[in-house]
Amino acid sequence: MILALTQVSGRAGSISPTDAARAVATVLVPEGGPDAWHAHLAPVRRAARLLARSGHIEILRKGKPVDPAGAKGVIRLRIAAAREA
């Protein structure tokens, strides 16, 4: 889900982990209600770290790429330059 969303937003845009968690919740728990995404936020953030370490996406803080291991607080996700189609 993260890769699909970041691909759509392209290098000029980015998504929040919340965007991905909401998308996952919509697919996995369509009847879950408006707050169902909360349960998916931590797994999405973990998946984002793995994707960033493997070079698929970049984790941004204040608009600048940061080390996935130290990414805390408000972050955004962007497709890596090598992955943009």
PDB file of N, CA and C in Angstrom:
ATOM      1  N   MET A   1       0.826  -1.185   0.000  1.00  0.00           N
ATOM      2  CA  MET A   1       0.000   0.000   0.000  1.00  0.00           C
ATOM      3  C   MET A   1       0.877   1.259   0.000  1.00  0.00           C
ATOM      4  N   ILE A   2       1.936   1.253   0.809  1.00  0.00           N
ATOM      5  CA  ILE A   2       2.830   2.408   0.876  1.00  0.00           C
ATOM      6  C   ILE A   2       3.456   2.662  -0.492  1.00  0.00           C
ATOM      7  N   LEU A   3       3.933   1.615  -1.132  1.00  0.00           N
ATOM      8  CA  LEU A   3       4.561   1.787  -2.445  1.00  0.00           C
ATOM      9  C   LEU A   3       3.570   2.326  -3.467  1.00  0.00           C
ATOM     10  N   ALA A   4       2.359   1.809  -3.463  1.00  0.00           N
ATOM     11  CA  ALA A   4       1.347   2.281  -4.414  1.00  0.00           C
ATOM     12  C   ALA A   4       1.033   3.754  -4.193  1.00  0.00           C
ATOM     13  N   LEU A   5       0.842   4.145  -2.951  1.00  0.00           N
ATOM     14  CA  LEU A   5       0.497   5.537  -2.651  1.00  0.00           C
ATOM     15  C   LEU A   5       1.647   6.493  -2.957  1.00  0.00           C
ATOM     16  N   THR A   6       2.872   6.090  -2.627  1.00  0.00           N
ATOM     17  CA  THR A   6       4.006   6.974  -2.913  1.00  0.00           C
ATOM     18  C   THR A   6       4.274   7.049  -4.413  1.00  0.00           C
ATOM     19  N   GLN A   7       4.017   5.968  -5.119  1.00  0.00           N
ATOM     20  CA  GLN A   7       4.177   5.976  -6.578  1.00  0.00           C
ATOM     21  C   GLN A   7       3.213   6.980  -7.198  1.00  0.00           C
ATOM     22  N   VAL A   8       1.979   6.983  -6.728  1.00  0.00           N
ATOM     23  CA  VAL A   8       0.974   7.909  -7.261  1.00  0.00           C
ATOM     24  C   VAL A   8       1.349   9.359  -6.959  1.00  0.00           C
ATOM     25  N   SER A   9       1.859   9.607  -5.765  1.00  0.00           N
ATOM     26  CA  SER A   9       2.203  10.990  -5.400  1.00  0.00           C
ATOM     27  C   SER A   9       3.472  11.463  -6.100  1.00  0.00           C
ATOM     28  N   GLY A  10       4.335  10.527  -6.510  1.00  0.00           N
ATOM     29  CA  GLY A  10       5.549  10.878  -7.245  1.00  0.00           C
ATOM     30  C   GLY A  10       6.593  11.558  -6.375  1.00  0.00           C
ATOM     31  N   ARG A  11       7.697  11.951  -7.002  1.00  0.00           N
ATOM     32  CA  ARG A  11       8.797  12.596  -6.268  1.00  0.00           C
ATOM     33  C   ARG A  11       8.423  13.991  -5.790  1.00  0.00           C
ATOM     34  N   ALA A  12       7.509  14.635  -6.485  1.00  0.00           N
ATOM     35  CA  ALA A  12       7.123  15.993  -6.099  1.00  0.00           C
ATOM     36  C   ALA A  12       6.193  16.004  -4.891  1.00  0.00           C
ATOM     37  N   GLY A  13       5.594  14.865  -4.583  1.00  0.00           N
ATOM     38  CA  GLY A  13       4.661  14.789  -3.469  1.00  0.00           C
ATOM     39  C   GLY A  13       5.119  13.800  -2.424  1.00  0.00           C
ATOM     40  N   SER A  14       4.326  13.669  -1.394  1.00  0.00           N
ATOM     41  CA  SER A  14       4.618  12.695  -0.343  1.00  0.00           C
ATOM     42  C   SER A  14       3.302  12.336   0.333  1.00  0.00           C
ATOM     43  N   ILE A  15       3.343  11.279   1.121  1.00  0.00           N
ATOM     44  CA  ILE A  15       2.165  10.862   1.880  1.00  0.00           C
ATOM     45  C   ILE A  15       2.551  10.789   3.348  1.00  0.00           C
ATOM     46  N   SER A  16       1.563  10.806   4.190  1.00  0.00           N
ATOM     47  CA  SER A  16       1.824  10.603   5.613  1.00  0.00           C
ATOM     48  C   SER A  16       1.581   9.135   5.941  1.00  0.00           C
ATOM     49  N   PRO A  17       2.180   8.632   7.004  1.00  0.00           N
ATOM     50  CA  PRO A  17       1.872   7.274   7.433  1.00  0.00           C
ATOM     51  C   PRO A  17       0.375   7.100   7.714  1.00  0.00           C
ATOM     52  N   THR A  18      -0.281   8.166   8.143  1.00  0.00           N
ATOM     53  CA  THR A  18      -1.721   8.114   8.392  1.00  0.00           C
ATOM     54  C   THR A  18      -2.484   7.827   7.108  1.00  0.00           C
ATOM     55  N   ASP A  19      -2.062   8.419   5.989  1.00  0.00           N
ATOM     56  CA  ASP A  19      -2.703   8.154   4.697  1.00  0.00           C
ATOM     57  C   ASP A  19      -2.659   6.660   4.383  1.00  0.00           C
ATOM     58  N   ALA A  20      -1.492   6.059   4.579  1.00  0.00           N
ATOM     59  CA  ALA A  20      -1.333   4.631   4.297  1.00  0.00           C
ATOM     60  C   ALA A  20      -2.149   3.787   5.269  1.00  0.00           C
ATOM     61  N   ALA A  21      -2.156   4.155   6.548  1.00  0.00           N
ATOM     62  CA  ALA A  21      -2.928   3.403   7.542  1.00  0.00           C
ATOM     63  C   ALA A  21      -4.417   3.456   7.227  1.00  0.00           C
ATOM     64  N   ARG A  22      -4.904   4.607   6.800  1.00  0.00           N
ATOM     65  CA  ARG A  22      -6.318   4.732   6.424  1.00  0.00           C
ATOM     66  C   ARG A  22      -6.633   3.854   5.213  1.00  0.00           C
ATOM     67  N   ALA A  23      -5.732   3.828   4.234  1.00  0.00           N
ATOM     68  CA  ALA A  23      -5.942   3.000   3.050  1.00  0.00           C
ATOM     69  C   ALA A  23      -5.953   1.517   3.412  1.00  0.00           C
ATOM     70  N   VAL A  24      -5.037   1.104   4.270  1.00  0.00           N
ATOM     71  CA  VAL A  24      -4.995  -0.295   4.720  1.00  0.00           C
ATOM     72  C   VAL A  24      -6.285  -0.645   5.450  1.00  0.00           C
ATOM     73  N   ALA A  25      -6.725   0.217   6.347  1.00  0.00           N
ATOM     74  CA  ALA A  25      -7.947  -0.043   7.112  1.00  0.00           C
ATOM     75  C   ALA A  25      -9.157  -0.150   6.192  1.00  0.00           C
ATOM     76  N   THR A  26      -9.207   0.673   5.164  1.00  0.00           N
ATOM     77  CA  THR A  26     -10.326   0.637   4.223  1.00  0.00           C
ATOM     78  C   THR A  26     -10.388  -0.709   3.505  1.00  0.00           C
ATOM     79  N   VAL A  27      -9.226  -1.252   3.178  1.00  0.00           N
ATOM     80  CA  VAL A  27      -9.176  -2.537   2.475  1.00  0.00           C
ATOM     81  C   VAL A  27      -9.433  -3.703   3.428  1.00  0.00           C
ATOM     82  N   LEU A  28      -8.778  -3.698   4.590  1.00  0.00           N
ATOM     83  CA  LEU A  28      -8.855  -4.839   5.505  1.00  0.00           C
ATOM     84  C   LEU A  28     -10.098  -4.847   6.382  1.00  0.00           C
ATOM     85  N   VAL A  29     -10.583  -3.662   6.746  1.00  0.00           N
ATOM     86  CA  VAL A  29     -11.719  -3.569   7.673  1.00  0.00           C
ATOM     87  C   VAL A  29     -12.698  -2.515   7.144  1.00  0.00           C
ATOM     88  N   PRO A  30     -13.346  -2.780   5.999  1.00  0.00           N
ATOM     89  CA  PRO A  30     -14.201  -1.752   5.406  1.00  0.00           C
ATOM     90  C   PRO A  30     -15.346  -1.298   6.315  1.00  0.00           C
ATOM     91  N   GLU A  31     -15.802  -2.155   7.202  1.00  0.00           N
ATOM     92  CA  GLU A  31     -16.888  -1.798   8.115  1.00  0.00           C
ATOM     93  C   GLU A  31     -16.355  -1.346   9.471  1.00  0.00           C
ATOM     94  N   GLY A  32     -15.065  -1.075   9.563  1.00  0.00           N
ATOM     95  CA  GLY A  32     -14.414  -0.769  10.833  1.00  0.00           C
ATOM     96  C   GLY A  32     -14.694   0.588  11.416  1.00  0.00           C
ATOM     97  N   GLY A  33     -15.278   1.481  10.674  1.00  0.00           N
ATOM     98  CA  GLY A  33     -15.565   2.806  11.202  1.00  0.00           C
ATOM     99  C   GLY A  33     -14.437   3.782  10.946  1.00  0.00           C
ATOM    100  N   PRO A  34     -14.663   5.042  11.291  1.00  0.00           N
ATOM    101  CA  PRO A  34     -13.701   6.093  10.948  1.00  0.00           C
ATOM    102  C   PRO A  34     -12.368   6.022  11.690  1.00  0.00           C
ATOM    103  N   ASP A  35     -12.312   5.317  12.804  1.00  0.00           N
ATOM    104  CA  ASP A  35     -11.070   5.247  13.581  1.00  0.00           C
ATOM    105  C   ASP A  35     -10.340   3.914  13.454  1.00  0.00           C
ATOM    106  N   ALA A  36     -10.773   3.056  12.539  1.00  0.00           N
ATOM    107  CA  ALA A  36     -10.155   1.734  12.380  1.00  0.00           C
ATOM    108  C   ALA A  36      -8.688   1.831  11.966  1.00  0.00           C
ATOM    109  N   TRP A  37      -8.305   2.939  11.360  1.00  0.00           N
ATOM    110  CA  TRP A  37      -6.933   3.097  10.868  1.00  0.00           C
ATOM    111  C   TRP A  37      -5.904   3.164  11.988  1.00  0.00           C
ATOM    112  N   HIS A  38      -6.317   3.570  13.181  1.00  0.00           N
ATOM    113  CA  HIS A  38      -5.367   3.709  14.297  1.00  0.00           C
ATOM    114  C   HIS A  38      -4.598   2.412  14.560  1.00  0.00           C
ATOM    115  N   ALA A  39      -5.273   1.284  14.443  1.00  0.00           N
ATOM    116  CA  ALA A  39      -4.634  -0.010  14.702  1.00  0.00           C
ATOM    117  C   ALA A  39      -3.554  -0.331  13.675  1.00  0.00           C
ATOM    118  N   HIS A  40      -3.590   0.319  12.532  1.00  0.00           N
ATOM    119  CA  HIS A  40      -2.640   0.021  11.452  1.00  0.00           C
ATOM    120  C   HIS A  40      -1.473   0.999  11.383  1.00  0.00           C
ATOM    121  N   LEU A  41      -1.503   2.046  12.188  1.00  0.00           N
ATOM    122  CA  LEU A  41      -0.472   3.080  12.087  1.00  0.00           C
ATOM    123  C   LEU A  41       0.922   2.572  12.472  1.00  0.00           C
ATOM    124  N   ALA A  42       1.051   1.878  13.580  1.00  0.00           N
ATOM    125  CA  ALA A  42       2.372   1.367  13.992  1.00  0.00           C
ATOM    126  C   ALA A  42       2.937   0.379  12.962  1.00  0.00           C
ATOM    127  N   PRO A  43       2.135  -0.582  12.464  1.00  0.00           N
ATOM    128  CA  PRO A  43       2.672  -1.473  11.429  1.00  0.00           C
ATOM    129  C   PRO A  43       3.067  -0.730  10.146  1.00  0.00           C
ATOM    130  N   VAL A  44       2.325   0.294   9.782  1.00  0.00           N
ATOM    131  CA  VAL A  44       2.670   1.084   8.594  1.00  0.00           C
ATOM    132  C   VAL A  44       4.007   1.791   8.803  1.00  0.00           C
ATOM    133  N   ARG A  45       4.213   2.362   9.973  1.00  0.00           N
ATOM    134  CA  ARG A  45       5.482   3.044  10.251  1.00  0.00           C
ATOM    135  C   ARG A  45       6.654   2.056  10.230  1.00  0.00           C
ATOM    136  N   ARG A  46       6.436   0.834  10.757  1.00  0.00           N
ATOM    137  CA  ARG A  46       7.490  -0.197  10.708  1.00  0.00           C
ATOM    138  C   ARG A  46       7.784  -0.584   9.259  1.00  0.00           C
ATOM    139  N   ALA A  47       6.729  -0.781   8.479  1.00  0.00           N
ATOM    140  CA  ALA A  47       6.904  -1.141   7.070  1.00  0.00           C
ATOM    141  C   ALA A  47       7.628  -0.028   6.314  1.00  0.00           C
ATOM    142  N   ALA A  48       7.313   1.219   6.643  1.00  0.00           N
ATOM    143  CA  ALA A  48       7.983   2.352   5.988  1.00  0.00           C
ATOM    144  C   ALA A  48       9.480   2.336   6.281  1.00  0.00           C
ATOM    145  N   ARG A  49       9.852   2.020   7.513  1.00  0.00           N
ATOM    146  CA  ARG A  49      11.279   1.947   7.848  1.00  0.00           C
ATOM    147  C   ARG A  49      11.976   0.869   7.018  1.00  0.00           C
ATOM    148  N   LEU A  50      11.335  -0.287   6.894  1.00  0.00           N
ATOM    149  CA  LEU A  50      11.910  -1.376   6.097  1.00  0.00           C
ATOM    150  C   LEU A  50      12.033  -0.981   4.627  1.00  0.00           C
ATOM    151  N   LEU A  51      11.000  -0.359   4.088  1.00  0.00           N
ATOM    152  CA  LEU A  51      11.037   0.074   2.689  1.00  0.00           C
ATOM    153  C   LEU A  51      12.111   1.140   2.463  1.00  0.00           C
ATOM    154  N   ALA A  52      12.293   2.007   3.433  1.00  0.00           N
ATOM    155  CA  ALA A  52      13.333   3.039   3.312  1.00  0.00           C
ATOM    156  C   ALA A  52      14.723   2.416   3.377  1.00  0.00           C
ATOM    157  N   ARG A  53      14.914   1.467   4.279  1.00  0.00           N
ATOM    158  CA  ARG A  53      16.222   0.798   4.380  1.00  0.00           C
ATOM    159  C   ARG A  53      16.577   0.060   3.100  1.00  0.00           C
ATOM    160  N   SER A  54      15.562  -0.472   2.422  1.00  0.00           N
ATOM    161  CA  SER A  54      15.813  -1.227   1.193  1.00  0.00           C
ATOM    162  C   SER A  54      15.855  -0.338  -0.047  1.00  0.00           C
ATOM    163  N   GLY A  55      15.685   0.973   0.132  1.00  0.00           N
ATOM    164  CA  GLY A  55      15.816   1.902  -0.981  1.00  0.00           C
ATOM    165  C   GLY A  55      14.571   2.130  -1.812  1.00  0.00           C
ATOM    166  N   HIS A  56      13.434   1.626  -1.374  1.00  0.00           N
ATOM    167  CA  HIS A  56      12.191   1.803  -2.128  1.00  0.00           C
ATOM    168  C   HIS A  56      11.553   3.179  -1.914  1.00  0.00           C
ATOM    169  N   ILE A  57      11.636   3.684  -0.698  1.00  0.00           N
ATOM    170  CA  ILE A  57      11.054   4.992  -0.381  1.00  0.00           C
ATOM    171  C   ILE A  57      12.054   5.809   0.432  1.00  0.00           C
ATOM    172  N   GLU A  58      11.734   7.068   0.614  1.00  0.00           N
ATOM    173  CA  GLU A  58      12.497   7.935   1.514  1.00  0.00           C
ATOM    174  C   GLU A  58      11.569   8.387   2.630  1.00  0.00           C
ATOM    175  N   ILE A  59      12.108   8.495   3.818  1.00  0.00           N
ATOM    176  CA  ILE A  59      11.371   9.062   4.939  1.00  0.00           C
ATOM    177  C   ILE A  59      11.834  10.506   5.078  1.00  0.00           C
ATOM    178  N   LEU A  60      10.876  11.413   5.111  1.00  0.00           N
ATOM    179  CA  LEU A  60      11.171  12.840   5.180  1.00  0.00           C
ATOM    180  C   LEU A  60      10.763  13.408   6.532  1.00  0.00           C
ATOM    181  N   ARG A  61      11.578  14.299   7.015  1.00  0.00           N
ATOM    182  CA  ARG A  61      11.243  15.072   8.217  1.00  0.00           C
ATOM    183  C   ARG A  61      11.553  16.522   7.869  1.00  0.00           C
ATOM    184  N   LYS A  62      10.558  17.373   8.012  1.00  0.00           N
ATOM    185  CA  LYS A  62      10.689  18.790   7.623  1.00  0.00           C
ATOM    186  C   LYS A  62      11.147  18.912   6.170  1.00  0.00           C
ATOM    187  N   GLY A  63      10.641  17.991   5.316  1.00  0.00           N
ATOM    188  CA  GLY A  63      10.917  18.044   3.888  1.00  0.00           C
ATOM    189  C   GLY A  63      12.248  17.489   3.449  1.00  0.00           C
ATOM    190  N   LYS A  64      13.045  16.979   4.375  1.00  0.00           N
ATOM    191  CA  LYS A  64      14.375  16.468   4.037  1.00  0.00           C
ATOM    192  C   LYS A  64      14.479  14.982   4.394  1.00  0.00           C
ATOM    193  N   PRO A  65      15.156  14.189   3.548  1.00  0.00           N
ATOM    194  CA  PRO A  65      15.335  12.771   3.859  1.00  0.00           C
ATOM    195  C   PRO A  65      16.090  12.577   5.172  1.00  0.00           C
ATOM    196  N   VAL A  66      15.643  11.594   5.954  1.00  0.00           N
ATOM    197  CA  VAL A  66      16.294  11.270   7.224  1.00  0.00           C
ATOM    198  C   VAL A  66      16.587   9.777   7.278  1.00  0.00           C
ATOM    199  N   ASP A  67      17.493   9.408   8.156  1.00  0.00           N
ATOM    200  CA  ASP A  67      17.827   8.003   8.388  1.00  0.00           C
ATOM    201  C   ASP A  67      16.594   7.296   8.951  1.00  0.00           C
ATOM    202  N   PRO A  68      16.185   6.175   8.351  1.00  0.00           N
ATOM    203  CA  PRO A  68      15.000   5.467   8.839  1.00  0.00           C
ATOM    204  C   PRO A  68      15.090   5.077  10.312  1.00  0.00           C
ATOM    205  N   ALA A  69      16.284   4.761  10.777  1.00  0.00           N
ATOM    206  CA  ALA A  69      16.436   4.336  12.174  1.00  0.00           C
ATOM    207  C   ALA A  69      16.116   5.465  13.145  1.00  0.00           C
ATOM    208  N   GLY A  70      16.349   6.693  12.743  1.00  0.00           N
ATOM    209  CA  GLY A  70      16.129   7.820  13.636  1.00  0.00           C
ATOM    210  C   GLY A  70      14.865   8.606  13.338  1.00  0.00           C
ATOM    211  N   ALA A  71      14.025   8.096  12.449  1.00  0.00           N
ATOM    212  CA  ALA A  71      12.818   8.822  12.051  1.00  0.00           C
ATOM    213  C   ALA A  71      11.768   8.764  13.153  1.00  0.00           C
ATOM    214  N   LYS A  72      11.540   9.897  13.789  1.00  0.00           N
ATOM    215  CA  LYS A  72      10.549   9.986  14.861  1.00  0.00           C
ATOM    216  C   LYS A  72       9.712  11.232  14.648  1.00  0.00           C
ATOM    217  N   GLY A  73       8.588  11.273  15.298  1.00  0.00           N
ATOM    218  CA  GLY A  73       7.729  12.448  15.201  1.00  0.00           C
ATOM    219  C   GLY A  73       6.984  12.483  13.879  1.00  0.00           C
ATOM    220  N   VAL A  74       6.722  13.689  13.406  1.00  0.00           N
ATOM    221  CA  VAL A  74       5.968  13.878  12.169  1.00  0.00           C
ATOM    222  C   VAL A  74       6.879  13.568  10.984  1.00  0.00           C
ATOM    223  N   ILE A  75       6.495  12.560  10.213  1.00  0.00           N
ATOM    224  CA  ILE A  75       7.274  12.165   9.040  1.00  0.00           C
ATOM    225  C   ILE A  75       6.357  12.095   7.832  1.00  0.00           C
ATOM    226  N   ARG A  76       6.967  12.130   6.663  1.00  0.00           N
ATOM    227  CA  ARG A  76       6.269  11.945   5.397  1.00  0.00           C
ATOM    228  C   ARG A  76       7.033  10.872   4.631  1.00  0.00           C
ATOM    229  N   LEU A  77       6.372  10.264   3.665  1.00  0.00           N
ATOM    230  CA  LEU A  77       6.963   9.189   2.873  1.00  0.00           C
ATOM    231  C   LEU A  77       6.927   9.577   1.405  1.00  0.00           C
ATOM    232  N   ARG A  78       8.032   9.327   0.701  1.00  0.00           N
ATOM    233  CA  ARG A  78       8.136   9.670  -0.714  1.00  0.00           C
ATOM    234  C   ARG A  78       8.822   8.523  -1.443  1.00  0.00           C
ATOM    235  N   ILE A  79       8.397   8.274  -2.665  1.00  0.00           N
ATOM    236  CA  ILE A  79       9.027   7.240  -3.481  1.00  0.00           C
ATOM    237  C   ILE A  79      10.496   7.620  -3.702  1.00  0.00           C
ATOM    238  N   ALA A  80      11.371   6.646  -3.687  1.00  0.00           N
ATOM    239  CA  ALA A  80      12.796   6.905  -3.933  1.00  0.00           C
ATOM    240  C   ALA A  80      13.003   7.243  -5.404  1.00  0.00           C
ATOM    241  N   ALA A  81      13.995   8.048  -5.687  1.00  0.00           N
ATOM    242  CA  ALA A  81      14.263   8.489  -7.063  1.00  0.00           C
ATOM    243  C   ALA A  81      14.455   7.304  -7.999  1.00  0.00           C
ATOM    244  N   ALA A  82      15.128   6.271  -7.540  1.00  0.00           N
ATOM    245  CA  ALA A  82      15.400   5.101  -8.374  1.00  0.00           C
ATOM    246  C   ALA A  82      14.139   4.296  -8.663  1.00  0.00           C
ATOM    247  N   ARG A  83      13.078   4.480  -7.870  1.00  0.00           N
ATOM    248  CA  ARG A  83      11.852   3.693  -8.018  1.00  0.00           C
ATOM    249  C   ARG A  83      10.766   4.408  -8.802  1.00  0.00           C
ATOM    250  N   GLU A  84      10.920   5.690  -9.026  1.00  0.00           N
ATOM    251  CA  GLU A  84       9.878   6.441  -9.724  1.00  0.00           C
ATOM    252  C   GLU A  84       9.814   5.994 -11.179  1.00  0.00           C
ATOM    253  N   ALA A  85       8.605   5.734 -11.634  1.00  0.00           N
ATOM    254  CA  ALA A  85       8.441   5.285 -13.025  1.00  0.00           C
ATOM    255  C   ALA A  85       7.914   6.399 -13.898  1.00  0.00           C
TER     256      ALA A  85
END
